[in-house]
C-alpha atoms as a PDB file:
ATOM      1  CA  MET A   1       0.045   8.003  -9.376  1.00  0.00           C
ATOM      2  CA  ILE A   2      -1.976   4.952  -8.967  1.00  0.00           C
ATOM      3  CA  GLY A   3      -4.714   3.771  -6.492  1.00  0.00           C
ATOM      4  CA  ILE A   4      -4.851   1.200  -4.917  1.00  0.00           C
ATOM      5  CA  GLY A   5      -7.698  -0.201  -2.689  1.00  0.00           C
ATOM      6  CA  GLY A   6     -11.104   1.410  -2.004  1.00  0.00           C
ATOM      7  CA  ILE A   7     -14.383  -0.210  -1.421  1.00  0.00           C
ATOM      8  CA  THR A   8     -14.142  -2.633  -3.758  1.00  0.00           C
ATOM      9  CA  GLN A   9     -10.652  -4.029  -3.367  1.00  0.00           C
ATOM     10  CA  LYS A  10     -10.519  -3.813   0.255  1.00  0.00           C
ATOM     11  CA  LYS A  11     -10.931  -7.470   1.430  1.00  0.00           C
ATOM     12  CA  GLN A  12      -7.910  -8.240  -0.716  1.00  0.00           C
ATOM     13  CA  LEU A  13      -5.825  -5.150   0.915  1.00  0.00           C
ATOM     14  CA  TYR A  14      -6.938  -6.146   3.943  1.00  0.00           C
ATOM     15  CA  GLN A  15      -5.392  -9.627   3.795  1.00  0.00           C
ATOM     16  CA  THR A  16      -2.737  -8.756   2.370  1.00  0.00           C
ATOM     17  CA  ALA A  17      -1.553  -5.995   4.975  1.00  0.00           C
ATOM     18  CA  ALA A  18      -2.491  -8.863   7.684  1.00  0.00           C
ATOM     19  CA  ASN A  19       0.450 -11.295   6.430  1.00  0.00           C
ATOM     20  CA  GLU A  20       3.859  -9.873   6.112  1.00  0.00           C
ATOM     21  CA  ASN A  21       4.907 -12.436   3.813  1.00  0.00           C
ATOM     22  CA  TYR A  22       2.023 -10.767   1.625  1.00  0.00           C
ATOM     23  CA  ARG A  23       3.311  -7.624   2.460  1.00  0.00           C
ATOM     24  CA  ASN A  24       6.653  -8.163   1.354  1.00  0.00           C
ATOM     25  CA  ILE A  25       5.240  -9.593  -2.080  1.00  0.00           C
ATOM     26  CA  PHE A  26       2.900  -6.280  -2.194  1.00  0.00           C
ATOM     27  CA  VAL A  27       5.665  -3.909  -1.961  1.00  0.00           C
ATOM     28  CA  GLN A  28       8.077  -5.838  -4.301  1.00  0.00           C
ATOM     29  CA  SER A  29       5.212  -6.351  -6.986  1.00  0.00           C
ATOM     30  CA  VAL A  30       3.970  -2.488  -6.749  1.00  0.00           C
ATOM     31  CA  LEU A  31       7.786  -1.334  -7.238  1.00  0.00           C
ATOM     32  CA  LYS A  32       8.398  -3.502  -9.856  1.00  0.00           C
ATOM     33  CA  PHE A  33       5.276  -2.135 -11.853  1.00  0.00           C
ATOM     34  CA  LEU A  34       6.112   1.533 -11.117  1.00  0.00           C
ATOM     35  CA  ASN A  35       9.507   1.166 -12.687  1.00  0.00           C
ATOM     36  CA  LYS A  36       8.248  -1.410 -15.496  1.00  0.00           C
ATOM     37  CA  HIS A  37       5.453   1.505 -16.411  1.00  0.00           C
ATOM     38  CA  ASP A  38       7.517   4.574 -15.339  1.00  0.00           C
ATOM     39  CA  ILE A  39       4.635   6.070 -12.727  1.00  0.00           C
ATOM     40  CA  ALA A  40       5.587   8.031  -9.801  1.00  0.00           C
ATOM     41  CA  GLY A  41       4.360   6.227  -7.226  1.00  0.00           C
ATOM     42  CA  ILE A  42       0.794   5.040  -5.845  1.00  0.00           C
ATOM     43  CA  THR A  43      -2.165   6.147  -3.529  1.00  0.00           C
ATOM     44  CA  LEU A  44      -3.913   3.727  -0.922  1.00  0.00           C
ATOM     45  CA  ASP A  45      -7.148   3.693   0.086  1.00  0.00           C
ATOM     46  CA  TRP A  46      -7.611   2.344   3.283  1.00  0.00           C
ATOM     47  CA  TYR A  47     -11.593   2.440   3.203  1.00  0.00           C
ATOM     48  CA  ASP A  48     -12.421   1.811   7.149  1.00  0.00           C
ATOM     49  CA  GLY A  49      -9.831   4.006   8.021  1.00  0.00           C
ATOM     50  CA  LEU A  50      -7.928   3.177  11.375  1.00  0.00           C
ATOM     51  CA  ASN A  51     -10.811   1.357  13.483  1.00  0.00           C
ATOM     52  CA  ASN A  52     -10.682  -1.721  11.297  1.00  0.00           C
ATOM     53  CA  ASN A  53      -7.092  -3.258  10.544  1.00  0.00           C
ATOM     54  CA  GLY A  54      -5.422  -0.195  11.302  1.00  0.00           C
ATOM     55  CA  SER A  55      -1.997  -2.050  13.039  1.00  0.00           C
ATOM     56  CA  ASN A  56      -2.076  -3.857   9.657  1.00  0.00           C
ATOM     57  CA  LEU A  57      -1.966  -0.816   7.641  1.00  0.00           C
ATOM     58  CA  ILE A  58       0.785   0.791   9.858  1.00  0.00           C
ATOM     59  CA  ALA A  59       2.990  -2.352   9.319  1.00  0.00           C
ATOM     60  CA  LEU A  60       1.962  -2.105   5.322  1.00  0.00           C
ATOM     61  CA  LEU A  61       3.079   1.839   5.451  1.00  0.00           C
ATOM     62  CA  ASP A  62       6.308   0.781   7.269  1.00  0.00           C
ATOM     63  CA  LYS A  63       7.093  -1.946   4.807  1.00  0.00           C
ATOM     64  CA  PHE A  64       6.403   0.583   1.546  1.00  0.00           C
ATOM     65  CA  ASP A  65       8.523   3.663   3.887  1.00  0.00           C
ATOM     66  CA  GLU A  66      11.184   1.366   3.897  1.00  0.00           C
ATOM     67  CA  GLN A  67      11.353   0.583   0.264  1.00  0.00           C
ATOM     68  CA  PHE A  68      10.383   3.552  -1.226  1.00  0.00           C
ATOM     69  CA  ALA A  69      13.060   5.304   0.780  1.00  0.00           C
ATOM     70  CA  LYS A  70      15.680   3.855  -1.468  1.00  0.00           C
ATOM     71  CA  THR A  71      13.548   5.487  -4.693  1.00  0.00           C
ATOM     72  CA  THR A  72      11.663   8.856  -5.667  1.00  0.00           C
ATOM     73  CA  TYR A  73       8.907   6.993  -5.752  1.00  0.00           C
ATOM     74  CA  THR A  74       5.646   8.643  -3.779  1.00  0.00           C
ATOM     75  CA  LEU A  75       3.186   7.170  -1.708  1.00  0.00           C
ATOM     76  CA  GLY A  76       0.048   8.769  -0.552  1.00  0.00           C
ATOM     77  CA  ILE A  77      -2.700   7.323   1.452  1.00  0.00           C
ATOM     78  CA  THR A  78      -6.708   8.051   1.813  1.00  0.00           C
ATOM     79  CA  VAL A  79      -8.479   7.200   4.996  1.00  0.00           C
ATOM     80  CA  PRO A  80     -11.649   8.390   6.169  1.00  0.00           C
ATOM     81  CA  GLY A  81     -11.777  11.048   8.798  1.00  0.00           C
END
């Protein structure tokens, strides 16, 4: 598993999640990376929780779910309580 996001990458992740085209490109890029490097999956670290950009997070998770359902990859998520 690899981690994506966190406090140092939150701006980029939030911008990606906010745009449907960026979400599609991001998910396809992640799939290619996982396949190329034989990695089991990813963990998204959504630093600000659901209060900020929560609907964008859900849209991103939906896109990952749609694509990961066709694979054996694992998707994890970390959000603050």
